[in-house]
PDB file of N, CA and C in Angstrom:
ATOM      1  N   MET A   1       0.842  -1.129   0.201  1.00  0.00           N
ATOM      2  CA  MET A   1      -0.018  -0.169  -0.137  1.00  0.00           C
ATOM      3  C   MET A   1       1.016   1.312   0.349  1.00  0.00           C
ATOM      4  N   ASP A   2       0.195   2.674  -0.802  1.00  0.00           N
ATOM      5  CA  ASP A   2       1.315   3.517  -1.138  1.00  0.00           C
ATOM      6  C   ASP A   2       0.350   4.406   0.108  1.00  0.00           C
ATOM      7  N   CYS A   3       1.020   5.869   0.207  1.00  0.00           N
ATOM      8  CA  CYS A   3       0.696   6.999   0.531  1.00  0.00           C
ATOM      9  C   CYS A   3      -0.578   7.757  -0.511  1.00  0.00           C
ATOM     10  N   ILE A   4      -1.450   7.948  -0.073  1.00  0.00           N
ATOM     11  CA  ILE A   4      -2.235   8.671  -0.653  1.00  0.00           C
ATOM     12  C   ILE A   4      -2.115   9.548  -1.501  1.00  0.00           C
ATOM     13  N   HIS A   5      -1.383  10.261  -0.425  1.00  0.00           N
ATOM     14  CA  HIS A   5      -0.705  11.922  -0.817  1.00  0.00           C
ATOM     15  C   HIS A   5       0.347  11.988  -1.591  1.00  0.00           C
ATOM     16  N   CYS A   6       1.584  11.270  -1.266  1.00  0.00           N
ATOM     17  CA  CYS A   6       2.390  11.353  -2.002  1.00  0.00           C
ATOM     18  C   CYS A   6       3.533  10.206  -2.446  1.00  0.00           C
ATOM     19  N   GLY A   7       2.570   8.999  -2.445  1.00  0.00           N
ATOM     20  CA  GLY A   7       3.109   8.005  -3.208  1.00  0.00           C
ATOM     21  C   GLY A   7       4.063   6.995  -2.362  1.00  0.00           C
ATOM     22  N   LYS A   8       5.070   7.741  -1.582  1.00  0.00           N
ATOM     23  CA  LYS A   8       5.377   6.875  -0.897  1.00  0.00           C
ATOM     24  C   LYS A   8       4.412   5.499   0.092  1.00  0.00           C
ATOM     25  N   PRO A   9       5.645   4.229  -0.430  1.00  0.00           N
ATOM     26  CA  PRO A   9       5.294   2.770  -0.135  1.00  0.00           C
ATOM     27  C   PRO A   9       5.412   2.938   1.965  1.00  0.00           C
ATOM     28  N   LEU A  10       4.173   2.130   1.907  1.00  0.00           N
ATOM     29  CA  LEU A  10       3.493   2.353   4.265  1.00  0.00           C
ATOM     30  C   LEU A  10       4.260   1.877   5.024  1.00  0.00           C
ATOM     31  N   SER A  11       5.021   1.982   5.662  1.00  0.00           N
ATOM     32  CA  SER A  11       5.228   0.965   6.912  1.00  0.00           C
ATOM     33  C   SER A  11       3.953   0.449   7.770  1.00  0.00           C
ATOM     34  N   ALA A  12       4.043  -0.444   8.611  1.00  0.00           N
ATOM     35  CA  ALA A  12       2.851  -0.783   9.764  1.00  0.00           C
ATOM     36  C   ALA A  12       2.664   0.140  10.929  1.00  0.00           C
ATOM     37  N   TYR A  13       4.005   1.200  11.013  1.00  0.00           N
ATOM     38  CA  TYR A  13       3.953   2.291  11.641  1.00  0.00           C
ATOM     39  C   TYR A  13       3.003   3.519  10.450  1.00  0.00           C
ATOM     40  N   ASP A  14       2.714   3.979   9.253  1.00  0.00           N
ATOM     41  CA  ASP A  14       2.357   4.806   8.862  1.00  0.00           C
ATOM     42  C   ASP A  14       1.202   4.486   9.042  1.00  0.00           C
ATOM     43  N   ILE A  15       0.479   2.602   8.482  1.00  0.00           N
ATOM     44  CA  ILE A  15      -0.802   2.788   9.137  1.00  0.00           C
ATOM     45  C   ILE A  15      -1.337   2.550   9.612  1.00  0.00           C
ATOM     46  N   GLY A  16      -0.508   2.384  11.242  1.00  0.00           N
ATOM     47  CA  GLY A  16      -0.856   2.762  12.291  1.00  0.00           C
ATOM     48  C   GLY A  16      -1.073   3.856  12.665  1.00  0.00           C
ATOM     49  N   PHE A  17      -0.411   5.048  12.025  1.00  0.00           N
ATOM     50  CA  PHE A  17      -0.575   5.805  12.767  1.00  0.00           C
ATOM     51  C   PHE A  17      -1.381   6.991  12.138  1.00  0.00           C
ATOM     52  N   PHE A  18      -2.015   6.918  11.047  1.00  0.00           N
ATOM     53  CA  PHE A  18      -3.273   6.851  10.057  1.00  0.00           C
ATOM     54  C   PHE A  18      -4.388   6.583  10.667  1.00  0.00           C
ATOM     55  N   LYS A  19      -4.117   5.014  10.902  1.00  0.00           N
ATOM     56  CA  LYS A  19      -5.651   4.268  11.757  1.00  0.00           C
ATOM     57  C   LYS A  19      -6.177   5.430  12.834  1.00  0.00           C
ATOM     58  N   LYS A  20      -5.140   5.290  13.905  1.00  0.00           N
ATOM     59  CA  LYS A  20      -5.074   5.525  15.423  1.00  0.00           C
ATOM     60  C   LYS A  20      -5.725   7.701  14.766  1.00  0.00           C
ATOM     61  N   LEU A  21      -5.133   7.975  13.613  1.00  0.00           N
ATOM     62  CA  LEU A  21      -5.847   9.801  13.948  1.00  0.00           C
ATOM     63  C   LEU A  21      -7.258   9.962  13.591  1.00  0.00           C
ATOM     64  N   VAL A  22      -7.307   9.020  11.922  1.00  0.00           N
ATOM     65  CA  VAL A  22      -8.044   9.245  11.542  1.00  0.00           C
ATOM     66  C   VAL A  22      -9.527   8.615  11.302  1.00  0.00           C
ATOM     67  N   ASN A  23      -9.566   7.073  11.042  1.00  0.00           N
ATOM     68  CA  ASN A  23     -10.492   5.999  10.986  1.00  0.00           C
ATOM     69  C   ASN A  23     -10.156   4.665  11.330  1.00  0.00           C
ATOM     70  N   ARG A  24     -10.061   4.442  11.953  1.00  0.00           N
ATOM     71  CA  ARG A  24      -9.730   2.378  11.976  1.00  0.00           C
ATOM     72  C   ARG A  24     -10.152   1.769  10.953  1.00  0.00           C
ATOM     73  N   GLY A  25     -11.112   1.835  10.296  1.00  0.00           N
ATOM     74  CA  GLY A  25     -11.638   1.480   9.053  1.00  0.00           C
ATOM     75  C   GLY A  25     -10.890   1.725   8.238  1.00  0.00           C
ATOM     76  N   ALA A  26      -9.908   2.575   7.911  1.00  0.00           N
ATOM     77  CA  ALA A  26      -9.400   2.733   6.908  1.00  0.00           C
ATOM     78  C   ALA A  26      -8.822   1.358   5.470  1.00  0.00           C
ATOM     79  N   THR A  27      -8.574   2.282   4.613  1.00  0.00           N
ATOM     80  CA  THR A  27      -8.195   0.867   3.481  1.00  0.00           C
ATOM     81  C   THR A  27      -7.744   2.048   2.791  1.00  0.00           C
ATOM     82  N   GLU A  28      -7.482   3.282   2.840  1.00  0.00           N
ATOM     83  CA  GLU A  28      -6.473   3.991   2.276  1.00  0.00           C
ATOM     84  C   GLU A  28      -5.410   4.493   2.898  1.00  0.00           C
ATOM     85  N   CYS A  29      -4.338   4.571   3.067  1.00  0.00           N
ATOM     86  CA  CYS A  29      -3.846   5.812   4.407  1.00  0.00           C
ATOM     87  C   CYS A  29      -2.878   6.705   3.866  1.00  0.00           C
ATOM     88  N   ALA A  30      -2.943   7.488   4.575  1.00  0.00           N
ATOM     89  CA  ALA A  30      -1.035   8.361   4.045  1.00  0.00           C
ATOM     90  C   ALA A  30       0.253   8.437   5.049  1.00  0.00           C
ATOM     91  N   CYS A  31       1.504   8.209   5.015  1.00  0.00           N
ATOM     92  CA  CYS A  31       2.260   8.195   5.005  1.00  0.00           C
ATOM     93  C   CYS A  31       2.539   9.101   6.788  1.00  0.00           C
ATOM     94  N   ILE A  32       3.542   8.918   7.720  1.00  0.00           N
ATOM     95  CA  ILE A  32       3.398   9.556   8.286  1.00  0.00           C
ATOM     96  C   ILE A  32       3.961  11.014   8.692  1.00  0.00           C
ATOM     97  N   ARG A  33       4.594  11.348   7.600  1.00  0.00           N
ATOM     98  CA  ARG A  33       5.221  12.715   7.504  1.00  0.00           C
ATOM     99  C   ARG A  33       3.910  13.418   6.855  1.00  0.00           C
ATOM    100  N   CYS A  34       3.059  12.432   6.146  1.00  0.00           N
ATOM    101  CA  CYS A  34       1.698  13.573   5.481  1.00  0.00           C
ATOM    102  C   CYS A  34       0.509  13.965   6.472  1.00  0.00           C
ATOM    103  N   THR A  35       0.230  12.733   7.162  1.00  0.00           N
ATOM    104  CA  THR A  35      -0.147  12.774   8.530  1.00  0.00           C
ATOM    105  C   THR A  35      -0.171  13.112   9.133  1.00  0.00           C
ATOM    106  N   ALA A  36       0.818  14.149   9.511  1.00  0.00           N
ATOM    107  CA  ALA A  36       2.056  14.818  10.137  1.00  0.00           C
ATOM    108  C   ALA A  36       1.358  16.107   9.769  1.00  0.00           C
ATOM    109  N   LYS A  37       1.287  16.471   8.969  1.00  0.00           N
ATOM    110  CA  LYS A  37       1.301  17.352   7.813  1.00  0.00           C
ATOM    111  C   LYS A  37       0.535  18.427   8.369  1.00  0.00           C
ATOM    112  N   HIS A  38      -0.852  16.926   7.849  1.00  0.00           N
ATOM    113  CA  HIS A  38      -2.333  17.497   7.261  1.00  0.00           C
ATOM    114  C   HIS A  38      -2.844  17.830   9.112  1.00  0.00           C
ATOM    115  N   PHE A  39      -1.941  17.646  10.210  1.00  0.00           N
ATOM    116  CA  PHE A  39      -2.147  17.914  11.700  1.00  0.00           C
ATOM    117  C   PHE A  39      -1.464  18.320  12.551  1.00  0.00           C
ATOM    118  N   GLU A  40      -0.740  19.494  11.886  1.00  0.00           N
ATOM    119  CA  GLU A  40      -0.079  20.580  11.627  1.00  0.00           C
ATOM    120  C   GLU A  40       0.984  19.943  13.096  1.00  0.00           C
ATOM    121  N   LEU A  41       1.162  18.916  13.069  1.00  0.00           N
ATOM    122  CA  LEU A  41       2.621  18.218  14.223  1.00  0.00           C
ATOM    123  C   LEU A  41       3.714  17.677  12.801  1.00  0.00           C
ATOM    124  N   THR A  42       4.807  17.903  14.175  1.00  0.00           N
ATOM    125  CA  THR A  42       6.481  18.003  13.576  1.00  0.00           C
ATOM    126  C   THR A  42       6.669  16.272  13.717  1.00  0.00           C
ATOM    127  N   GLU A  43       7.443  15.544  12.317  1.00  0.00           N
ATOM    128  CA  GLU A  43       7.429  14.811  12.581  1.00  0.00           C
ATOM    129  C   GLU A  43       7.999  13.638  13.896  1.00  0.00           C
ATOM    130  N   ASP A  44       8.027  14.330  15.015  1.00  0.00           N
ATOM    131  CA  ASP A  44       9.125  14.077  15.985  1.00  0.00           C
ATOM    132  C   ASP A  44       8.246  13.683  16.723  1.00  0.00           C
ATOM    133  N   ARG A  45       7.192  14.773  17.127  1.00  0.00           N
ATOM    134  CA  ARG A  45       5.880  14.481  17.726  1.00  0.00           C
ATOM    135  C   ARG A  45       5.376  13.515  17.418  1.00  0.00           C
ATOM    136  N   ALA A  46       5.059  13.382  16.145  1.00  0.00           N
ATOM    137  CA  ALA A  46       4.417  12.055  15.282  1.00  0.00           C
ATOM    138  C   ALA A  46       5.044  10.795  16.465  1.00  0.00           C
ATOM    139  N   TRP A  47       6.178  10.762  16.006  1.00  0.00           N
ATOM    140  CA  TRP A  47       6.549   9.442  16.430  1.00  0.00           C
ATOM    141  C   TRP A  47       7.088   9.640  18.295  1.00  0.00           C
ATOM    142  N   GLU A  48       6.766  10.681  18.626  1.00  0.00           N
ATOM    143  CA  GLU A  48       6.528  10.790  20.080  1.00  0.00           C
ATOM    144  C   GLU A  48       5.206   9.976  20.512  1.00  0.00           C
ATOM    145  N   MET A  49       4.204  10.396  19.920  1.00  0.00           N
ATOM    146  CA  MET A  49       3.343   9.721  19.455  1.00  0.00           C
ATOM    147  C   MET A  49       3.357   8.443  19.584  1.00  0.00           C
ATOM    148  N   ILE A  50       3.315   8.259  18.548  1.00  0.00           N
ATOM    149  CA  ILE A  50       3.290   6.750  18.435  1.00  0.00           C
ATOM    150  C   ILE A  50       3.689   5.626  19.783  1.00  0.00           C
ATOM    151  N   ARG A  51       4.686   6.279  20.132  1.00  0.00           N
ATOM    152  CA  ARG A  51       5.870   5.412  20.999  1.00  0.00           C
ATOM    153  C   ARG A  51       4.710   5.722  22.471  1.00  0.00           C
ATOM    154  N   ARG A  52       4.198   6.554  23.004  1.00  0.00           N
ATOM    155  CA  ARG A  52       3.170   6.720  23.593  1.00  0.00           C
ATOM    156  C   ARG A  52       2.113   5.927  23.512  1.00  0.00           C
ATOM    157  N   PHE A  53       1.432   5.447  23.089  1.00  0.00           N
ATOM    158  CA  PHE A  53       0.429   4.483  21.704  1.00  0.00           C
ATOM    159  C   PHE A  53       1.088   3.296  21.828  1.00  0.00           C
ATOM    160  N   GLN A  54       2.687   2.808  22.039  1.00  0.00           N
ATOM    161  CA  GLN A  54       2.364   1.169  21.939  1.00  0.00           C
ATOM    162  C   GLN A  54       3.011   0.853  23.494  1.00  0.00           C
ATOM    163  N   LYS A  55       3.401   2.164  24.009  1.00  0.00           N
ATOM    164  CA  LYS A  55       3.434   2.057  25.955  1.00  0.00           C
ATOM    165  C   LYS A  55       2.333   1.794  26.938  1.00  0.00           C
ATOM    166  N   ASN A  56       1.268   2.020  25.955  1.00  0.00           N
ATOM    167  CA  ASN A  56      -0.282   1.989  26.160  1.00  0.00           C
ATOM    168  C   ASN A  56      -0.751   1.262  25.572  1.00  0.00           C
ATOM    169  N   GLY A  57       0.132   0.370  24.900  1.00  0.00           N
ATOM    170  CA  GLY A  57      -0.555  -1.334  24.101  1.00  0.00           C
ATOM    171  C   GLY A  57      -1.452  -0.911  23.280  1.00  0.00           C
ATOM    172  N   CYS A  58      -1.332   0.342  22.272  1.00  0.00           N
ATOM    173  CA  CYS A  58      -2.087   0.131  21.059  1.00  0.00           C
ATOM    174  C   CYS A  58      -1.721  -0.877  20.002  1.00  0.00           C
ATOM    175  N   THR A  59      -2.361  -1.880  19.536  1.00  0.00           N
ATOM    176  CA  THR A  59      -2.278  -2.719  19.148  1.00  0.00           C
ATOM    177  C   THR A  59      -2.154  -2.787  17.272  1.00  0.00           C
ATOM    178  N   LEU A  60      -3.066  -1.029  17.033  1.00  0.00           N
ATOM    179  CA  LEU A  60      -2.720  -0.568  15.833  1.00  0.00           C
ATOM    180  C   LEU A  60      -0.700  -0.823  15.154  1.00  0.00           C
ATOM    181  N   PHE A  61      -0.017  -1.022  16.365  1.00  0.00           N
ATOM    182  CA  PHE A  61       1.548  -0.736  16.074  1.00  0.00           C
ATOM    183  C   PHE A  61       1.849  -2.164  16.065  1.00  0.00           C
ATOM    184  N   PRO A  62       3.472  -2.214  15.512  1.00  0.00           N
ATOM    185  CA  PRO A  62       3.993  -3.452  15.651  1.00  0.00           C
ATOM    186  C   PRO A  62       4.192  -3.262  17.511  1.00  0.00           C
ATOM    187  N   PRO A  63       4.759  -3.980  18.863  1.00  0.00           N
ATOM    188  CA  PRO A  63       4.837  -3.979  19.879  1.00  0.00           C
ATOM    189  C   PRO A  63       6.268  -3.631  20.374  1.00  0.00           C
ATOM    190  N   LEU A  64       6.599  -3.186  21.225  1.00  0.00           N
ATOM    191  CA  LEU A  64       7.597  -2.670  21.388  1.00  0.00           C
ATOM    192  C   LEU A  64       8.642  -3.643  21.446  1.00  0.00           C
ATOM    193  N   LYS A  65       9.722  -3.240  21.297  1.00  0.00           N
ATOM    194  CA  LYS A  65      10.768  -4.272  21.612  1.00  0.00           C
ATOM    195  C   LYS A  65      11.963  -3.199  23.049  1.00  0.00           C
ATOM    196  N   GLU A  66      11.733  -4.102  24.090  1.00  0.00           N
ATOM    197  CA  GLU A  66      12.866  -4.776  25.242  1.00  0.00           C
ATOM    198  C   GLU A  66      13.980  -4.297  24.884  1.00  0.00           C
TER     199      GLU A  66
END
């Protein structure tokens, strides 16, 4: 699957972040960069949010490696 805005191939993190912020049932997604830009976030802030979601057990992202 590719980003609906820039065409970049998506990772599990891209898809999880999009679904967490936009719509869990989405069949098309945007990359972290495009999703962050839409919500006026920096990419660093987006990654901070992803790590917090992971720590809280969100299953939309790969588990944290200890």
